[in-house]
All heavy atoms as atom14 arrays in JSON, in Angstrom:
{
  "sequence": "VRNARVDPEALRQLQVCSETHHLPTRIDPQQTHCTLSILAPRRATT",
  "atom14_mask": [
    [1, 1, 1, 1, 1, 1, 1, 0, 0, 0, 0, 0, 0, 0],
    [1, 1, 1, 1, 1, 1, 1, 1, 1, 1, 1, 0, 0, 0],
    [1, 1, 1, 1, 1, 1, 1, 1, 0, 0, 0, 0, 0, 0],
    [1, 1, 1, 1, 1, 0, 0, 0, 0, 0, 0, 0, 0, 0],
    [1, 1, 1, 1, 1, 1, 1, 1, 1, 1, 1, 0, 0, 0],
    [1, 1, 1, 1, 1, 1, 1, 0, 0, 0, 0, 0, 0, 0],
    [1, 1, 1, 1, 1, 1, 1, 1, 0, 0, 0, 0, 0, 0],
    [1, 1, 1, 1, 1, 1, 1, 0, 0, 0, 0, 0, 0, 0],
    [1, 1, 1, 1, 1, 1, 1, 1, 1, 0, 0, 0, 0, 0],
    [1, 1, 1, 1, 1, 0, 0, 0, 0, 0, 0, 0, 0, 0],
    [1, 1, 1, 1, 1, 1, 1, 1, 0, 0, 0, 0, 0, 0],
    [1, 1, 1, 1, 1, 1, 1, 1, 1, 1, 1, 0, 0, 0],
    [1, 1, 1, 1, 1, 1, 1, 1, 1, 0, 0, 0, 0, 0],
    [1, 1, 1, 1, 1, 1, 1, 1, 0, 0, 0, 0, 0, 0],
    [1, 1, 1, 1, 1, 1, 1, 1, 1, 0, 0, 0, 0, 0],
    [1, 1, 1, 1, 1, 1, 1, 0, 0, 0, 0, 0, 0, 0],
    [1, 1, 1, 1, 1, 1, 0, 0, 0, 0, 0, 0, 0, 0],
    [1, 1, 1, 1, 1, 1, 0, 0, 0, 0, 0, 0, 0, 0],
    [1, 1, 1, 1, 1, 1, 1, 1, 1, 0, 0, 0, 0, 0],
    [1, 1, 1, 1, 1, 1, 1, 0, 0, 0, 0, 0, 0, 0],
    [1, 1, 1, 1, 1, 1, 1, 1, 1, 1, 0, 0, 0, 0],
    [1, 1, 1, 1, 1, 1, 1, 1, 1, 1, 0, 0, 0, 0],
    [1, 1, 1, 1, 1, 1, 1, 1, 0, 0, 0, 0, 0, 0],
    [1, 1, 1, 1, 1, 1, 1, 0, 0, 0, 0, 0, 0, 0],
    [1, 1, 1, 1, 1, 1, 1, 0, 0, 0, 0, 0, 0, 0],
    [1, 1, 1, 1, 1, 1, 1, 1, 1, 1, 1, 0, 0, 0],
    [1, 1, 1, 1, 1, 1, 1, 1, 0, 0, 0, 0, 0, 0],
    [1, 1, 1, 1, 1, 1, 1, 1, 0, 0, 0, 0, 0, 0],
    [1, 1, 1, 1, 1, 1, 1, 0, 0, 0, 0, 0, 0, 0],
    [1, 1, 1, 1, 1, 1, 1, 1, 1, 0, 0, 0, 0, 0],
    [1, 1, 1, 1, 1, 1, 1, 1, 1, 0, 0, 0, 0, 0],
    [1, 1, 1, 1, 1, 1, 1, 0, 0, 0, 0, 0, 0, 0],
    [1, 1, 1, 1, 1, 1, 1, 1, 1, 1, 0, 0, 0, 0],
    [1, 1, 1, 1, 1, 1, 0, 0, 0, 0, 0, 0, 0, 0],
    [1, 1, 1, 1, 1, 1, 1, 0, 0, 0, 0, 0, 0, 0],
    [1, 1, 1, 1, 1, 1, 1, 1, 0, 0, 0, 0, 0, 0],
    [1, 1, 1, 1, 1, 1, 0, 0, 0, 0, 0, 0, 0, 0],
    [1, 1, 1, 1, 1, 1, 1, 1, 0, 0, 0, 0, 0, 0],
    [1, 1, 1, 1, 1, 1, 1, 1, 0, 0, 0, 0, 0, 0],
    [1, 1, 1, 1, 1, 0, 0, 0, 0, 0, 0, 0, 0, 0],
    [1, 1, 1, 1, 1, 1, 1, 0, 0, 0, 0, 0, 0, 0],
    [1, 1, 1, 1, 1, 1, 1, 1, 1, 1, 1, 0, 0, 0],
    [1, 1, 1, 1, 1, 1, 1, 1, 1, 1, 1, 0, 0, 0],
    [1, 1, 1, 1, 1, 0, 0, 0, 0, 0, 0, 0, 0, 0],
    [1, 1, 1, 1, 1, 1, 1, 0, 0, 0, 0, 0, 0, 0],
    [1, 1, 1, 1, 1, 1, 1, 0, 0, 0, 0, 0, 0, 0]
  ],
  "atom14_positions": [
    [[17.89, -37.7, -48.77], [17.93, -39.14, -49.03], [18.67, -39.89, -47.93], [19.14, -40.98, -48.15], [18.56, -39.42, -50.45], [17.67, -38.95, -51.56], [19.95, -38.82, -50.56], [0.0, 0.0, 0.0], [0.0, 0.0, 0.0], [0.0, 0.0, 0.0], [0.0, 0.0, 0.0], [0.0, 0.0, 0.0], [0.0, 0.0, 0.0], [0.0, 0.0, 0.0]],
    [[18.72, -39.27, -46.73], [19.44, -39.89, -45.63], [18.8, -41.23, -45.21], [19.48, -42.1, -44.71], [19.45, -38.95, -44.41], [20.3, -37.72, -44.61], [20.26, -36.84, -43.45], [18.92, -36.29, -43.28], [18.55, -35.42, -42.36], [19.45, -35.01, -41.48], [17.34, -34.95, -42.31], [0.0, 0.0, 0.0], [0.0, 0.0, 0.0], [0.0, 0.0, 0.0]],
    [[17.5, -41.38, -45.41], [16.82, -42.63, -45.03], [16.54, -43.51, -46.22], [15.66, -44.38, -46.16], [15.55, -42.3, -44.27], [15.82, -41.65, -42.94], [16.67, -42.14, -42.19], [15.17, -40.56, -42.66], [0.0, 0.0, 0.0], [0.0, 0.0, 0.0], [0.0, 0.0, 0.0], [0.0, 0.0, 0.0], [0.0, 0.0, 0.0], [0.0, 0.0, 0.0]],
    [[17.27, -43.32, -47.31], [17.12, -44.11, -48.49], [18.4, -44.9, -48.76], [19.46, -44.58, -48.24], [16.81, -43.23, -49.71], [0.0, 0.0, 0.0], [0.0, 0.0, 0.0], [0.0, 0.0, 0.0], [0.0, 0.0, 0.0], [0.0, 0.0, 0.0], [0.0, 0.0, 0.0], [0.0, 0.0, 0.0], [0.0, 0.0, 0.0], [0.0, 0.0, 0.0]],
    [[18.27, -45.98, -49.57], [19.45, -46.65, -50.02], [19.71, -46.1, -51.45], [18.86, -46.2, -52.3], [19.21, -48.18, -50.07], [20.49, -48.91, -50.34], [20.3, -50.4, -50.15], [19.94, -50.97, -51.43], [18.9, -51.8, -51.64], [18.21, -52.2, -50.65], [18.68, -52.27, -52.81], [0.0, 0.0, 0.0], [0.0, 0.0, 0.0], [0.0, 0.0, 0.0]],
    [[20.83, -45.47, -51.62], [21.14, -44.77, -52.87], [22.29, -45.44, -53.55], [23.41, -45.51, -52.97], [21.43, -43.27, -52.64], [21.66, -42.56, -53.93], [20.33, -42.64, -51.83], [0.0, 0.0, 0.0], [0.0, 0.0, 0.0], [0.0, 0.0, 0.0], [0.0, 0.0, 0.0], [0.0, 0.0, 0.0], [0.0, 0.0, 0.0], [0.0, 0.0, 0.0]],
    [[22.09, -45.89, -54.77], [23.18, -46.5, -55.56], [24.25, -45.43, -55.82], [23.93, -44.25, -55.97], [22.68, -47.07, -56.86], [21.84, -48.33, -56.7], [21.79, -48.88, -55.55], [21.2, -48.76, -57.67], [0.0, 0.0, 0.0], [0.0, 0.0, 0.0], [0.0, 0.0, 0.0], [0.0, 0.0, 0.0], [0.0, 0.0, 0.0], [0.0, 0.0, 0.0]],
    [[25.5, -45.84, -55.88], [26.6, -44.85, -56.1], [26.45, -43.98, -57.3], [26.66, -42.78, -57.21], [27.84, -45.72, -56.18], [27.51, -46.98, -55.46], [26.02, -47.17, -55.67], [0.0, 0.0, 0.0], [0.0, 0.0, 0.0], [0.0, 0.0, 0.0], [0.0, 0.0, 0.0], [0.0, 0.0, 0.0], [0.0, 0.0, 0.0], [0.0, 0.0, 0.0]],
    [[26.0, -44.53, -58.42], [25.85, -43.76, -59.64], [24.71, -42.75, -59.49], [24.78, -41.63, -59.96], [25.62, -44.64, -60.85], [25.41, -43.9, -62.15], [26.55, -42.95, -62.55], [27.67, -43.08, -62.09], [26.24, -42.01, -63.37], [0.0, 0.0, 0.0], [0.0, 0.0, 0.0], [0.0, 0.0, 0.0], [0.0, 0.0, 0.0], [0.0, 0.0, 0.0]],
    [[23.64, -43.15, -58.79], [22.51, -42.24, -58.6], [22.96, -41.07, -57.69], [22.62, -39.91, -57.97], [21.37, -42.97, -57.98], [0.0, 0.0, 0.0], [0.0, 0.0, 0.0], [0.0, 0.0, 0.0], [0.0, 0.0, 0.0], [0.0, 0.0, 0.0], [0.0, 0.0, 0.0], [0.0, 0.0, 0.0], [0.0, 0.0, 0.0], [0.0, 0.0, 0.0]],
    [[23.72, -41.36, -56.65], [24.28, -40.31, -55.79], [25.17, -39.35, -56.61], [25.06, -38.14, -56.43], [24.98, -40.88, -54.59], [25.54, -39.88, -53.59], [24.39, -39.02, -53.02], [26.27, -40.59, -52.49], [0.0, 0.0, 0.0], [0.0, 0.0, 0.0], [0.0, 0.0, 0.0], [0.0, 0.0, 0.0], [0.0, 0.0, 0.0], [0.0, 0.0, 0.0]],
    [[25.97, -39.89, -57.45], [26.86, -39.04, -58.26], [26.01, -38.12, -59.13], [26.3, -36.93, -59.27], [27.76, -39.95, -59.14], [28.82, -39.1, -59.91], [29.5, -39.87, -61.01], [28.6, -40.18, -62.08], [28.18, -39.3, -63.02], [28.61, -38.06, -62.97], [27.37, -39.66, -63.99], [0.0, 0.0, 0.0], [0.0, 0.0, 0.0], [0.0, 0.0, 0.0]],
    [[24.96, -38.67, -59.75], [24.08, -37.85, -60.59], [23.43, -36.71, -59.82], [23.33, -35.56, -60.31], [23.05, -38.7, -61.3], [23.6, -39.63, -62.35], [22.55, -40.48, -62.99], [21.35, -40.16, -63.0], [22.95, -41.62, -63.52], [0.0, 0.0, 0.0], [0.0, 0.0, 0.0], [0.0, 0.0, 0.0], [0.0, 0.0, 0.0], [0.0, 0.0, 0.0]],
    [[22.98, -37.03, -58.63], [22.36, -36.0, -57.75], [23.36, -34.93, -57.39], [23.05, -33.72, -57.4], [21.8, -36.64, -56.49], [20.54, -37.55, -56.7], [20.24, -38.26, -55.39], [19.38, -36.73, -57.18], [0.0, 0.0, 0.0], [0.0, 0.0, 0.0], [0.0, 0.0, 0.0], [0.0, 0.0, 0.0], [0.0, 0.0, 0.0], [0.0, 0.0, 0.0]],
    [[24.57, -35.33, -57.08], [25.63, -34.33, -56.73], [25.93, -33.44, -57.96], [26.14, -32.25, -57.74], [26.9, -35.05, -56.27], [26.74, -35.8, -54.96], [26.66, -34.85, -53.77], [26.71, -33.65, -53.87], [26.5, -35.45, -52.58], [0.0, 0.0, 0.0], [0.0, 0.0, 0.0], [0.0, 0.0, 0.0], [0.0, 0.0, 0.0], [0.0, 0.0, 0.0]],
    [[25.96, -33.98, -59.13], [26.18, -33.15, -60.34], [25.07, -32.13, -60.49], [25.35, -30.96, -60.74], [26.28, -34.05, -61.57], [26.21, -33.19, -62.88], [27.57, -34.84, -61.58], [0.0, 0.0, 0.0], [0.0, 0.0, 0.0], [0.0, 0.0, 0.0], [0.0, 0.0, 0.0], [0.0, 0.0, 0.0], [0.0, 0.0, 0.0], [0.0, 0.0, 0.0]],
    [[23.81, -32.5, -60.24], [22.71, -31.52, -60.33], [22.88, -30.44, -59.29], [22.64, -29.26, -59.6], [21.39, -32.24, -60.12], [20.93, -33.35, -61.48], [0.0, 0.0, 0.0], [0.0, 0.0, 0.0], [0.0, 0.0, 0.0], [0.0, 0.0, 0.0], [0.0, 0.0, 0.0], [0.0, 0.0, 0.0], [0.0, 0.0, 0.0], [0.0, 0.0, 0.0]],
    [[23.28, -30.84, -58.1], [23.5, -29.85, -57.05], [24.62, -28.88, -57.41], [24.49, -27.66, -57.21], [23.84, -30.57, -55.74], [24.11, -29.67, -54.72], [0.0, 0.0, 0.0], [0.0, 0.0, 0.0], [0.0, 0.0, 0.0], [0.0, 0.0, 0.0], [0.0, 0.0, 0.0], [0.0, 0.0, 0.0], [0.0, 0.0, 0.0], [0.0, 0.0, 0.0]],
    [[25.7, -29.4, -57.98], [26.87, -28.53, -58.28], [26.6, -27.63, -59.5], [27.05, -26.49, -59.53], [28.06, -29.46, -58.6], [28.58, -30.14, -57.38], [29.56, -31.31, -57.7], [29.89, -31.47, -58.88], [29.9, -32.02, -56.77], [0.0, 0.0, 0.0], [0.0, 0.0, 0.0], [0.0, 0.0, 0.0], [0.0, 0.0, 0.0], [0.0, 0.0, 0.0]],
    [[25.82, -28.11, -60.51], [25.58, -27.33, -61.72], [24.33, -26.45, -61.61], [24.11, -25.6, -62.46], [25.42, -28.24, -62.95], [24.27, -29.08, -62.75], [26.68, -29.09, -63.17], [0.0, 0.0, 0.0], [0.0, 0.0, 0.0], [0.0, 0.0, 0.0], [0.0, 0.0, 0.0], [0.0, 0.0, 0.0], [0.0, 0.0, 0.0], [0.0, 0.0, 0.0]],
    [[23.51, -26.68, -60.59], [22.23, -25.96, -60.39], [21.25, -26.22, -61.5], [20.43, -25.35, -61.83], [22.48, -24.45, -60.23], [23.38, -24.16, -59.07], [22.97, -24.27, -57.74], [24.68, -23.8, -59.0], [23.99, -23.95, -56.95], [25.01, -23.68, -57.69], [0.0, 0.0, 0.0], [0.0, 0.0, 0.0], [0.0, 0.0, 0.0], [0.0, 0.0, 0.0]],
    [[21.35, -27.39, -62.15], [20.41, -27.75, -63.22], [20.08, -29.2, -63.16], [20.94, -30.01, -62.78], [21.03, -27.47, -64.6], [21.19, -26.03, -64.88], [22.4, -25.4, -64.68], [20.33, -25.09, -65.31], [22.24, -24.12, -64.99], [21.0, -23.9, -65.37], [0.0, 0.0, 0.0], [0.0, 0.0, 0.0], [0.0, 0.0, 0.0], [0.0, 0.0, 0.0]],
    [[18.84, -29.55, -63.5], [18.45, -30.94, -63.62], [18.89, -31.44, -65.05], [19.2, -30.62, -65.9], [16.93, -31.03, -63.47], [16.41, -30.66, -62.09], [14.88, -30.57, -62.11], [16.89, -31.61, -61.03], [0.0, 0.0, 0.0], [0.0, 0.0, 0.0], [0.0, 0.0, 0.0], [0.0, 0.0, 0.0], [0.0, 0.0, 0.0], [0.0, 0.0, 0.0]],
    [[18.88, -32.73, -65.21], [19.29, -33.23, -66.57], [18.39, -32.64, -67.66], [17.2, -32.38, -67.44], [19.06, -34.74, -66.45], [19.16, -35.06, -64.97], [18.62, -33.84, -64.3], [0.0, 0.0, 0.0], [0.0, 0.0, 0.0], [0.0, 0.0, 0.0], [0.0, 0.0, 0.0], [0.0, 0.0, 0.0], [0.0, 0.0, 0.0], [0.0, 0.0, 0.0]],
    [[18.97, -32.42, -68.79], [18.28, -31.83, -69.94], [17.01, -32.63, -70.34], [16.02, -32.0, -70.69], [19.21, -31.73, -71.15], [20.38, -31.0, -70.74], [18.59, -30.96, -72.29], [0.0, 0.0, 0.0], [0.0, 0.0, 0.0], [0.0, 0.0, 0.0], [0.0, 0.0, 0.0], [0.0, 0.0, 0.0], [0.0, 0.0, 0.0], [0.0, 0.0, 0.0]],
    [[17.07, -33.92, -70.23], [15.91, -34.75, -70.6], [14.73, -34.48, -69.66], [13.58, -34.67, -70.04], [16.25, -36.21, -70.65], [16.56, -36.85, -69.32], [17.04, -38.28, -69.45], [17.42, -38.8, -68.12], [18.54, -38.57, -67.51], [19.47, -37.78, -68.07], [18.79, -39.07, -66.33], [0.0, 0.0, 0.0], [0.0, 0.0, 0.0], [0.0, 0.0, 0.0]],
    [[15.0, -34.02, -68.48], [13.93, -33.7, -67.49], [13.52, -32.24, -67.59], [12.35, -31.9, -67.52], [14.43, -34.0, -66.03], [14.78, -35.47, -65.86], [13.4, -33.55, -64.99], [13.67, -36.46, -66.0], [0.0, 0.0, 0.0], [0.0, 0.0, 0.0], [0.0, 0.0, 0.0], [0.0, 0.0, 0.0], [0.0, 0.0, 0.0], [0.0, 0.0, 0.0]],
    [[14.48, -31.36, -67.77], [14.24, -29.94, -67.89], [14.95, -29.34, -69.08], [16.05, -28.82, -68.97], [14.67, -29.22, -66.58], [14.36, -27.76, -66.59], [13.57, -27.28, -67.45], [14.85, -27.01, -65.73], [0.0, 0.0, 0.0], [0.0, 0.0, 0.0], [0.0, 0.0, 0.0], [0.0, 0.0, 0.0], [0.0, 0.0, 0.0], [0.0, 0.0, 0.0]],
    [[14.31, -29.44, -70.27], [14.96, -28.95, -71.5], [15.28, -27.43, -71.42], [16.23, -26.99, -72.05], [13.9, -29.2, -72.58], [13.03, -30.24, -72.01], [13.02, -30.04, -70.54], [0.0, 0.0, 0.0], [0.0, 0.0, 0.0], [0.0, 0.0, 0.0], [0.0, 0.0, 0.0], [0.0, 0.0, 0.0], [0.0, 0.0, 0.0], [0.0, 0.0, 0.0]],
    [[14.56, -26.67, -70.65], [14.82, -25.22, -70.56], [16.01, -24.91, -69.64], [16.49, -23.8, -69.57], [13.57, -24.46, -70.04], [12.52, -24.29, -71.05], [11.56, -25.47, -71.05], [11.46, -26.2, -70.07], [10.86, -25.66, -72.16], [0.0, 0.0, 0.0], [0.0, 0.0, 0.0], [0.0, 0.0, 0.0], [0.0, 0.0, 0.0], [0.0, 0.0, 0.0]],
    [[16.45, -25.93, -68.85], [17.56, -25.77, -67.94], [17.34, -24.62, -66.97], [18.19, -23.73, -66.77], [18.9, -25.62, -68.69], [19.34, -26.9, -69.39], [19.65, -27.99, -68.38], [20.7, -27.97, -67.78], [18.7, -28.9, -68.15], [0.0, 0.0, 0.0], [0.0, 0.0, 0.0], [0.0, 0.0, 0.0], [0.0, 0.0, 0.0], [0.0, 0.0, 0.0]],
    [[16.18, -24.66, -66.3], [15.86, -23.65, -65.29], [16.8, -23.8, -64.1], [17.17, -24.86, -63.72], [14.4, -23.9, -64.81], [13.54, -23.96, -65.92], [13.95, -22.86, -63.84], [0.0, 0.0, 0.0], [0.0, 0.0, 0.0], [0.0, 0.0, 0.0], [0.0, 0.0, 0.0], [0.0, 0.0, 0.0], [0.0, 0.0, 0.0], [0.0, 0.0, 0.0]],
    [[17.24, -22.66, -63.58], [18.12, -22.63, -62.41], [17.47, -23.4, -61.25], [16.25, -23.19, -60.97], [18.49, -21.24, -61.99], [19.43, -21.16, -60.86], [20.78, -21.28, -61.0], [19.18, -21.04, -59.54], [21.36, -21.2, -59.83], [20.43, -21.03, -58.91], [0.0, 0.0, 0.0], [0.0, 0.0, 0.0], [0.0, 0.0, 0.0], [0.0, 0.0, 0.0]],
    [[18.21, -24.26, -60.58], [17.65, -25.08, -59.54], [18.69, -25.14, -58.38], [19.76, -25.71, -58.55], [17.37, -26.46, -60.04], [16.63, -27.59, -58.83], [0.0, 0.0, 0.0], [0.0, 0.0, 0.0], [0.0, 0.0, 0.0], [0.0, 0.0, 0.0], [0.0, 0.0, 0.0], [0.0, 0.0, 0.0], [0.0, 0.0, 0.0], [0.0, 0.0, 0.0]],
    [[18.36, -24.47, -57.27], [19.24, -24.5, -56.11], [18.9, -25.74, -55.3], [17.89, -25.77, -54.57], [19.06, -23.26, -55.26], [19.28, -22.11, -56.08], [20.04, -23.21, -54.09], [0.0, 0.0, 0.0], [0.0, 0.0, 0.0], [0.0, 0.0, 0.0], [0.0, 0.0, 0.0], [0.0, 0.0, 0.0], [0.0, 0.0, 0.0], [0.0, 0.0, 0.0]],
    [[19.7, -26.8, -55.43], [19.4, -28.07, -54.86], [20.56, -28.52, -53.93], [21.72, -28.56, -54.39], [19.22, -29.13, -55.97], [18.92, -30.57, -55.58], [17.6, -30.67, -54.86], [18.95, -31.46, -56.79], [0.0, 0.0, 0.0], [0.0, 0.0, 0.0], [0.0, 0.0, 0.0], [0.0, 0.0, 0.0], [0.0, 0.0, 0.0], [0.0, 0.0, 0.0]],
    [[20.23, -28.81, -52.71], [21.22, -29.34, -51.81], [20.83, -30.79, -51.49], [19.66, -31.12, -51.4], [21.39, -28.52, -50.55], [20.17, -28.5, -49.84], [0.0, 0.0, 0.0], [0.0, 0.0, 0.0], [0.0, 0.0, 0.0], [0.0, 0.0, 0.0], [0.0, 0.0, 0.0], [0.0, 0.0, 0.0], [0.0, 0.0, 0.0], [0.0, 0.0, 0.0]],
    [[21.81, -31.64, -51.34], [21.58, -33.06, -51.14], [21.99, -33.44, -49.69], [23.15, -33.18, -49.29], [22.42, -33.94, -52.14], [22.26, -33.44, -53.55], [22.05, -35.41, -51.96], [20.87, -33.59, -54.12], [0.0, 0.0, 0.0], [0.0, 0.0, 0.0], [0.0, 0.0, 0.0], [0.0, 0.0, 0.0], [0.0, 0.0, 0.0], [0.0, 0.0, 0.0]],
    [[21.1, -34.05, -48.98], [21.42, -34.67, -47.69], [21.66, -36.14, -47.97], [20.71, -36.89, -48.19], [20.32, -34.43, -46.65], [20.0, -33.0, -46.3], [18.85, -32.91, -45.34], [21.24, -32.32, -45.75], [0.0, 0.0, 0.0], [0.0, 0.0, 0.0], [0.0, 0.0, 0.0], [0.0, 0.0, 0.0], [0.0, 0.0, 0.0], [0.0, 0.0, 0.0]],
    [[22.95, -36.51, -47.98], [23.35, -37.9, -48.42], [22.89, -38.93, -47.4], [22.66, -38.65, -46.24], [24.85, -37.93, -48.6], [0.0, 0.0, 0.0], [0.0, 0.0, 0.0], [0.0, 0.0, 0.0], [0.0, 0.0, 0.0], [0.0, 0.0, 0.0], [0.0, 0.0, 0.0], [0.0, 0.0, 0.0], [0.0, 0.0, 0.0], [0.0, 0.0, 0.0]],
    [[22.82, -40.18, -47.86], [22.4, -41.28, -46.98], [23.29, -41.48, -45.81], [24.5, -41.26, -45.88], [22.47, -42.51, -47.89], [22.68, -42.04, -49.25], [23.19, -40.61, -49.19], [0.0, 0.0, 0.0], [0.0, 0.0, 0.0], [0.0, 0.0, 0.0], [0.0, 0.0, 0.0], [0.0, 0.0, 0.0], [0.0, 0.0, 0.0], [0.0, 0.0, 0.0]],
    [[22.73, -41.88, -44.7], [23.51, -42.18, -43.47], [24.36, -43.4, -43.69], [25.46, -43.5, -43.26], [22.52, -42.38, -42.31], [21.89, -41.1, -41.91], [20.95, -41.32, -40.72], [20.32, -40.08, -40.41], [19.08, -39.97, -39.98], [18.34, -41.04, -39.79], [18.57, -38.79, -39.7], [0.0, 0.0, 0.0], [0.0, 0.0, 0.0], [0.0, 0.0, 0.0]],
    [[23.79, -44.39, -44.34], [24.46, -45.65, -44.61], [24.75, -45.73, -46.06], [23.95, -46.31, -46.84], [23.62, -46.82, -44.17], [23.43, -46.92, -42.7], [22.66, -48.17, -42.37], [22.49, -48.25, -40.92], [22.27, -49.34, -40.3], [22.2, -50.48, -40.94], [22.12, -49.32, -38.99], [0.0, 0.0, 0.0], [0.0, 0.0, 0.0], [0.0, 0.0, 0.0]],
    [[25.83, -45.15, -46.49], [26.25, -45.17, -47.89], [27.0, -46.44, -48.17], [27.68, -46.98, -47.32], [27.07, -43.95, -48.24], [0.0, 0.0, 0.0], [0.0, 0.0, 0.0], [0.0, 0.0, 0.0], [0.0, 0.0, 0.0], [0.0, 0.0, 0.0], [0.0, 0.0, 0.0], [0.0, 0.0, 0.0], [0.0, 0.0, 0.0], [0.0, 0.0, 0.0]],
    [[26.92, -46.92, -49.41], [27.75, -48.03, -49.83], [29.18, -47.5, -49.85], [29.43, -46.32, -49.82], [27.35, -48.54, -51.25], [27.58, -47.49, -52.2], [25.93, -49.0, -51.27], [0.0, 0.0, 0.0], [0.0, 0.0, 0.0], [0.0, 0.0, 0.0], [0.0, 0.0, 0.0], [0.0, 0.0, 0.0], [0.0, 0.0, 0.0], [0.0, 0.0, 0.0]],
    [[30.11, -48.42, -49.93], [31.53, -48.0, -49.92], [31.87, -47.0, -50.99], [32.47, -45.98, -50.72], [32.42, -49.26, -50.14], [32.13, -50.2, -49.1], [33.89, -48.87, -50.05], [0.0, 0.0, 0.0], [0.0, 0.0, 0.0], [0.0, 0.0, 0.0], [0.0, 0.0, 0.0], [0.0, 0.0, 0.0], [0.0, 0.0, 0.0], [0.0, 0.0, 0.0]]
  ]
}
């Protein structure tokens, strides 16, 4: 998401998915393991 404008709360949610290795339950009720790394925006808000 380096070339995207990412709202702070959205970035936080993505980081949580990366740290827990799971997508939100409403998206993946089975909680399948997901190895996700985030490339954060170049121009982040404060």
